[in-house]
N, C-alpha and C. Protein backbone atom coordinates (compact mmCIF):
# COMPACT_ATOMS: atom_id res chain seq x y z
N MET A 1 -52.16 -10.26 26.13
CA MET A 1 -51.63 -9.44 27.19
C MET A 1 -50.14 -9.27 26.99
N GLU A 2 -49.65 -8.06 27.07
CA GLU A 2 -48.24 -7.76 26.84
C GLU A 2 -47.43 -8.11 28.08
N GLU A 3 -46.33 -8.84 27.84
CA GLU A 3 -45.48 -9.23 28.95
C GLU A 3 -44.42 -8.15 29.17
N LYS A 4 -44.29 -7.67 30.39
CA LYS A 4 -43.30 -6.64 30.69
C LYS A 4 -42.09 -7.29 31.31
N SER A 5 -40.91 -6.82 30.89
CA SER A 5 -39.69 -7.34 31.49
C SER A 5 -39.50 -6.67 32.85
N PRO A 6 -38.85 -7.36 33.77
CA PRO A 6 -38.65 -6.74 35.08
C PRO A 6 -37.73 -5.54 34.98
N ALA A 7 -37.89 -4.64 35.90
CA ALA A 7 -37.05 -3.44 35.92
C ALA A 7 -35.61 -3.83 36.15
N GLN A 8 -34.71 -3.24 35.37
CA GLN A 8 -33.28 -3.50 35.50
C GLN A 8 -32.62 -2.33 36.19
N PRO A 9 -31.70 -2.58 37.14
CA PRO A 9 -31.01 -1.45 37.76
C PRO A 9 -30.00 -0.86 36.79
N ALA A 10 -29.87 0.45 36.79
CA ALA A 10 -28.87 1.13 35.96
C ALA A 10 -28.06 2.03 36.85
N ALA A 11 -26.77 1.97 36.68
CA ALA A 11 -25.88 2.76 37.52
C ALA A 11 -25.78 4.16 36.97
N SER A 12 -25.78 5.14 37.86
CA SER A 12 -25.51 6.50 37.42
C SER A 12 -24.02 6.61 37.14
N ALA A 13 -23.62 7.53 36.28
CA ALA A 13 -22.22 7.62 35.85
C ALA A 13 -21.39 8.51 36.75
N THR A 14 -21.88 8.84 37.94
CA THR A 14 -21.12 9.73 38.81
C THR A 14 -20.61 8.97 40.02
N SER A 15 -19.51 8.25 39.85
CA SER A 15 -18.93 7.56 40.98
C SER A 15 -17.42 7.68 40.93
N THR A 16 -16.91 8.77 41.43
CA THR A 16 -15.48 8.96 41.48
C THR A 16 -15.07 9.38 42.87
N GLY A 17 -13.89 8.97 43.25
CA GLY A 17 -13.22 9.36 44.48
C GLY A 17 -14.09 9.72 45.66
N SER A 18 -14.15 11.00 45.99
CA SER A 18 -14.81 11.45 47.21
C SER A 18 -16.29 11.75 47.02
N GLN A 19 -16.85 11.45 45.85
CA GLN A 19 -18.26 11.71 45.63
C GLN A 19 -19.10 10.65 46.31
N GLN A 20 -20.40 10.83 46.26
CA GLN A 20 -21.33 9.89 46.87
C GLN A 20 -21.17 8.50 46.27
N PRO A 21 -21.52 7.47 47.04
CA PRO A 21 -21.43 6.11 46.48
C PRO A 21 -22.37 5.96 45.28
N LEU A 22 -22.06 5.00 44.43
CA LEU A 22 -22.83 4.73 43.22
C LEU A 22 -24.28 4.40 43.58
N ARG A 23 -25.21 5.09 42.95
CA ARG A 23 -26.63 4.84 43.15
C ARG A 23 -27.18 4.16 41.92
N GLU A 24 -28.12 3.27 42.12
CA GLU A 24 -28.74 2.58 41.00
C GLU A 24 -30.21 2.98 40.91
N PHE A 25 -30.65 3.23 39.68
CA PHE A 25 -32.05 3.58 39.42
C PHE A 25 -32.73 2.39 38.78
N PRO A 26 -33.97 2.09 39.17
CA PRO A 26 -34.69 1.02 38.46
C PRO A 26 -35.02 1.50 37.04
N VAL A 27 -34.95 0.58 36.08
CA VAL A 27 -35.16 0.91 34.68
C VAL A 27 -36.20 -0.03 34.09
N ASP A 28 -37.17 0.50 33.36
CA ASP A 28 -38.16 -0.29 32.64
C ASP A 28 -37.78 -0.26 31.17
N ALA A 29 -37.30 -1.36 30.62
CA ALA A 29 -36.85 -1.43 29.23
C ALA A 29 -37.91 -2.02 28.30
N SER A 30 -39.15 -2.09 28.74
CA SER A 30 -40.19 -2.73 27.93
C SER A 30 -40.51 -1.95 26.65
N GLN A 31 -40.25 -0.65 26.61
CA GLN A 31 -40.53 0.16 25.42
C GLN A 31 -39.26 0.52 24.65
N LEU A 32 -38.15 -0.08 25.02
CA LEU A 32 -36.86 0.25 24.42
C LEU A 32 -36.77 -0.25 22.99
N THR A 33 -36.28 0.60 22.09
CA THR A 33 -36.03 0.20 20.71
C THR A 33 -34.54 0.42 20.41
N THR A 34 -34.03 -0.30 19.45
CA THR A 34 -32.63 -0.21 19.08
C THR A 34 -32.52 0.33 17.67
N VAL A 35 -31.61 1.27 17.47
CA VAL A 35 -31.33 1.81 16.14
C VAL A 35 -29.82 1.83 15.95
N TYR A 36 -29.39 1.87 14.71
CA TYR A 36 -27.97 1.98 14.40
C TYR A 36 -27.72 3.36 13.80
N ALA A 37 -26.65 4.00 14.23
CA ALA A 37 -26.25 5.30 13.68
C ALA A 37 -24.73 5.31 13.52
N ASN A 38 -24.27 5.83 12.41
CA ASN A 38 -22.83 6.01 12.22
C ASN A 38 -22.51 7.48 11.98
N PHE A 39 -23.46 8.34 12.27
CA PHE A 39 -23.30 9.78 12.10
C PHE A 39 -23.98 10.47 13.28
N ALA A 40 -23.30 11.45 13.84
CA ALA A 40 -23.90 12.24 14.92
C ALA A 40 -23.56 13.70 14.71
N ARG A 41 -24.54 14.55 14.97
CA ARG A 41 -24.34 16.00 14.89
C ARG A 41 -24.70 16.57 16.26
N VAL A 42 -23.82 17.41 16.78
CA VAL A 42 -24.04 17.99 18.11
C VAL A 42 -24.28 19.48 17.96
N THR A 43 -25.41 19.94 18.46
CA THR A 43 -25.74 21.36 18.49
C THR A 43 -26.33 21.65 19.86
N GLY A 44 -26.74 22.86 20.10
CA GLY A 44 -27.34 23.12 21.39
C GLY A 44 -27.67 24.57 21.62
N THR A 45 -28.15 24.80 22.82
CA THR A 45 -28.48 26.13 23.31
C THR A 45 -27.71 26.31 24.61
N PRO A 46 -27.77 27.49 25.22
CA PRO A 46 -27.09 27.63 26.51
C PRO A 46 -27.63 26.69 27.59
N GLU A 47 -28.85 26.18 27.44
CA GLU A 47 -29.45 25.31 28.45
C GLU A 47 -29.43 23.83 28.11
N GLU A 48 -29.36 23.49 26.80
CA GLU A 48 -29.52 22.10 26.39
C GLU A 48 -28.52 21.71 25.31
N LEU A 49 -28.26 20.42 25.27
CA LEU A 49 -27.42 19.86 24.21
C LEU A 49 -28.34 19.03 23.32
N VAL A 50 -28.19 19.17 22.01
CA VAL A 50 -29.02 18.45 21.05
C VAL A 50 -28.13 17.52 20.25
N LEU A 51 -28.43 16.23 20.30
CA LEU A 51 -27.68 15.22 19.55
C LEU A 51 -28.59 14.64 18.49
N ASP A 52 -28.20 14.79 17.23
CA ASP A 52 -28.96 14.22 16.11
C ASP A 52 -28.16 13.04 15.57
N PHE A 53 -28.85 11.92 15.31
CA PHE A 53 -28.21 10.71 14.83
C PHE A 53 -28.80 10.29 13.50
N GLY A 54 -27.96 9.68 12.66
CA GLY A 54 -28.44 9.20 11.37
C GLY A 54 -27.50 8.18 10.78
N LEU A 55 -27.81 7.80 9.55
CA LEU A 55 -27.02 6.80 8.83
C LEU A 55 -26.37 7.46 7.63
N ASN A 56 -25.04 7.45 7.62
CA ASN A 56 -24.27 7.99 6.51
C ASN A 56 -23.87 6.84 5.60
N THR A 57 -24.32 6.87 4.35
CA THR A 57 -24.00 5.79 3.41
C THR A 57 -22.88 6.16 2.46
N GLN A 58 -22.33 7.35 2.60
CA GLN A 58 -21.28 7.82 1.70
C GLN A 58 -19.92 7.84 2.39
N ALA A 59 -18.85 7.54 1.63
CA ALA A 59 -17.50 7.61 2.19
C ALA A 59 -17.03 9.05 2.33
N THR A 60 -17.48 9.91 1.43
CA THR A 60 -17.15 11.34 1.49
C THR A 60 -18.45 12.13 1.36
N PRO A 61 -18.47 13.36 1.88
CA PRO A 61 -19.70 14.16 1.77
C PRO A 61 -20.13 14.36 0.32
N THR A 62 -21.41 14.16 0.05
CA THR A 62 -21.99 14.33 -1.27
C THR A 62 -23.12 15.34 -1.16
N PRO A 63 -22.99 16.51 -1.82
CA PRO A 63 -24.00 17.56 -1.68
C PRO A 63 -25.41 17.14 -2.07
N ASN A 64 -25.54 16.27 -3.08
CA ASN A 64 -26.88 15.90 -3.54
C ASN A 64 -27.46 14.69 -2.81
N GLU A 65 -26.74 14.14 -1.83
CA GLU A 65 -27.27 13.05 -1.01
C GLU A 65 -26.95 13.31 0.46
N PRO A 66 -27.81 14.06 1.14
CA PRO A 66 -27.54 14.39 2.54
C PRO A 66 -27.69 13.18 3.46
N VAL A 67 -27.03 13.24 4.60
CA VAL A 67 -27.19 12.21 5.62
C VAL A 67 -28.60 12.32 6.18
N LYS A 68 -29.32 11.21 6.21
CA LYS A 68 -30.69 11.23 6.73
C LYS A 68 -30.64 11.08 8.25
N LEU A 69 -31.06 12.14 8.94
CA LEU A 69 -31.12 12.11 10.39
C LEU A 69 -32.41 11.42 10.80
N THR A 70 -32.32 10.49 11.76
CA THR A 70 -33.48 9.70 12.15
C THR A 70 -33.88 9.84 13.61
N HIS A 71 -32.95 10.25 14.46
CA HIS A 71 -33.25 10.33 15.89
C HIS A 71 -32.60 11.56 16.51
N ARG A 72 -33.28 12.15 17.47
CA ARG A 72 -32.76 13.33 18.17
C ARG A 72 -32.89 13.08 19.68
N VAL A 73 -31.81 13.40 20.39
CA VAL A 73 -31.82 13.33 21.85
C VAL A 73 -31.47 14.72 22.36
N VAL A 74 -32.31 15.26 23.22
CA VAL A 74 -32.08 16.57 23.83
C VAL A 74 -31.85 16.33 25.31
N MET A 75 -30.77 16.90 25.85
CA MET A 75 -30.47 16.69 27.26
C MET A 75 -29.83 17.92 27.87
N SER A 76 -29.86 17.98 29.18
CA SER A 76 -29.20 19.07 29.89
C SER A 76 -27.68 18.86 29.82
N PHE A 77 -26.93 19.90 30.08
CA PHE A 77 -25.48 19.76 30.09
C PHE A 77 -25.02 18.91 31.27
N TYR A 78 -25.80 18.83 32.34
CA TYR A 78 -25.47 17.96 33.46
C TYR A 78 -25.54 16.50 33.02
N THR A 79 -26.62 16.16 32.32
CA THR A 79 -26.77 14.80 31.81
C THR A 79 -25.71 14.51 30.76
N ALA A 80 -25.42 15.49 29.91
CA ALA A 80 -24.40 15.31 28.87
C ALA A 80 -23.04 15.01 29.49
N LYS A 81 -22.72 15.68 30.58
CA LYS A 81 -21.42 15.45 31.22
C LYS A 81 -21.37 14.06 31.85
N ARG A 82 -22.47 13.61 32.45
CA ARG A 82 -22.51 12.26 32.99
C ARG A 82 -22.39 11.24 31.86
N LEU A 83 -23.03 11.50 30.73
CA LEU A 83 -22.92 10.62 29.57
C LEU A 83 -21.48 10.60 29.05
N LEU A 84 -20.84 11.76 29.00
CA LEU A 84 -19.45 11.85 28.56
C LEU A 84 -18.56 10.95 29.41
N PHE A 85 -18.69 11.03 30.72
CA PHE A 85 -17.88 10.20 31.61
C PHE A 85 -18.16 8.72 31.41
N ALA A 86 -19.44 8.36 31.24
CA ALA A 86 -19.79 6.95 31.03
C ALA A 86 -19.22 6.44 29.71
N LEU A 87 -19.28 7.26 28.66
CA LEU A 87 -18.73 6.85 27.36
C LEU A 87 -17.21 6.73 27.43
N GLN A 88 -16.55 7.65 28.13
CA GLN A 88 -15.09 7.57 28.29
C GLN A 88 -14.70 6.27 28.98
N MET A 89 -15.43 5.91 30.03
CA MET A 89 -15.14 4.65 30.74
C MET A 89 -15.36 3.45 29.83
N ALA A 90 -16.45 3.45 29.08
CA ALA A 90 -16.77 2.31 28.20
C ALA A 90 -15.72 2.15 27.11
N VAL A 91 -15.28 3.26 26.50
CA VAL A 91 -14.26 3.18 25.45
C VAL A 91 -12.93 2.74 26.03
N ALA A 92 -12.57 3.25 27.21
CA ALA A 92 -11.32 2.85 27.85
C ALA A 92 -11.30 1.35 28.14
N GLN A 93 -12.41 0.81 28.63
CA GLN A 93 -12.50 -0.62 28.89
C GLN A 93 -12.39 -1.42 27.59
N HIS A 94 -13.05 -0.94 26.54
CA HIS A 94 -12.98 -1.61 25.24
C HIS A 94 -11.54 -1.63 24.73
N GLU A 95 -10.85 -0.49 24.84
CA GLU A 95 -9.47 -0.41 24.36
C GLU A 95 -8.52 -1.27 25.18
N GLN A 96 -8.80 -1.45 26.46
CA GLN A 96 -7.96 -2.34 27.27
C GLN A 96 -8.06 -3.78 26.78
N VAL A 97 -9.23 -4.17 26.33
CA VAL A 97 -9.43 -5.54 25.87
C VAL A 97 -9.02 -5.72 24.41
N TYR A 98 -9.42 -4.79 23.54
CA TYR A 98 -9.28 -4.98 22.09
C TYR A 98 -8.24 -4.10 21.43
N GLY A 99 -7.67 -3.14 22.15
CA GLY A 99 -6.68 -2.24 21.56
C GLY A 99 -7.28 -0.90 21.20
N TYR A 100 -6.41 0.00 20.80
CA TYR A 100 -6.76 1.39 20.52
C TYR A 100 -7.81 1.49 19.41
N VAL A 101 -8.79 2.36 19.61
CA VAL A 101 -9.83 2.61 18.61
C VAL A 101 -9.40 3.84 17.81
N GLU A 102 -8.99 3.62 16.58
CA GLU A 102 -8.53 4.71 15.71
C GLU A 102 -9.72 5.35 15.03
N THR A 103 -9.90 6.66 15.24
CA THR A 103 -11.04 7.35 14.63
C THR A 103 -10.69 7.98 13.29
N ASP A 104 -9.43 8.07 12.95
CA ASP A 104 -9.01 8.62 11.66
C ASP A 104 -9.11 7.52 10.60
N VAL A 105 -10.04 7.67 9.68
CA VAL A 105 -10.29 6.65 8.67
C VAL A 105 -9.04 6.38 7.85
N GLN A 106 -8.28 7.41 7.52
CA GLN A 106 -7.08 7.23 6.71
C GLN A 106 -6.06 6.34 7.42
N LYS A 107 -5.95 6.47 8.73
CA LYS A 107 -5.01 5.64 9.48
C LYS A 107 -5.52 4.21 9.63
N ARG A 108 -6.85 4.03 9.61
CA ARG A 108 -7.41 2.68 9.74
C ARG A 108 -7.26 1.86 8.47
N MET A 109 -7.22 2.55 7.33
CA MET A 109 -7.15 1.83 6.06
C MET A 109 -5.79 1.17 5.91
N ARG A 110 -5.82 -0.07 5.56
CA ARG A 110 -4.57 -0.80 5.32
C ARG A 110 -4.53 -1.15 3.84
N ILE A 111 -3.55 -0.61 3.16
CA ILE A 111 -3.42 -0.90 1.74
C ILE A 111 -2.61 -2.18 1.60
N GLN A 112 -3.25 -3.19 1.02
CA GLN A 112 -2.59 -4.47 0.85
C GLN A 112 -1.70 -4.42 -0.39
N PRO A 113 -0.46 -4.89 -0.27
CA PRO A 113 0.40 -4.91 -1.46
C PRO A 113 -0.14 -5.91 -2.47
N ARG A 114 -0.01 -5.54 -3.73
CA ARG A 114 -0.46 -6.45 -4.80
C ARG A 114 0.51 -7.61 -4.92
N PRO A 115 -0.03 -8.79 -5.13
CA PRO A 115 0.87 -9.94 -5.33
C PRO A 115 1.62 -9.77 -6.65
N PRO A 116 2.84 -10.28 -6.71
CA PRO A 116 3.60 -10.14 -7.97
C PRO A 116 2.87 -10.86 -9.10
N THR A 117 2.90 -10.23 -10.26
CA THR A 117 2.26 -10.84 -11.42
C THR A 117 3.18 -11.89 -12.00
N THR A 118 2.60 -12.97 -12.41
CA THR A 118 3.40 -14.04 -13.01
C THR A 118 3.17 -14.04 -14.50
N SER A 119 4.20 -14.31 -15.20
CA SER A 119 4.13 -14.34 -16.67
C SER A 119 3.41 -15.62 -17.09
N SER A 120 2.50 -15.47 -18.05
CA SER A 120 1.75 -16.64 -18.51
C SER A 120 2.52 -17.39 -19.60
N SER A 121 3.62 -16.79 -20.06
CA SER A 121 4.39 -17.50 -21.09
C SER A 121 5.28 -18.53 -20.42
N GLY A 122 5.71 -19.51 -21.15
CA GLY A 122 6.48 -20.60 -20.57
C GLY A 122 7.98 -20.35 -20.51
N ASP A 123 8.53 -19.13 -20.78
CA ASP A 123 9.98 -18.93 -20.74
C ASP A 123 10.45 -18.81 -19.30
N ARG A 124 11.54 -19.44 -19.05
CA ARG A 124 12.17 -19.31 -17.75
C ARG A 124 13.63 -19.29 -17.90
């Protein structure tokens, strides 16, 4: 017999100033799976936003090895906007604790200076 985890409350991302108080929805996470993605593509229609996720194994784009997309999420623009606000809050909280999250790879790279080479000969 499969054991189900109890429903967890999840807060909606719409709680600002003069809006309605924060509402919580019960959530059943018994079928939840976790995936890792370091690539996202955003497309859409006038009614929906389409988010495709995948794993990019290349440092630079390679024409003969495309990024393999593995998951797609389709949502309304209302849901997308609530997600945007929730992600902004989460990143802001992360940056308050751990510092600025630099998205420019070139700025993140730290080139370490080479240690001075020492002569193997015994002259001094």
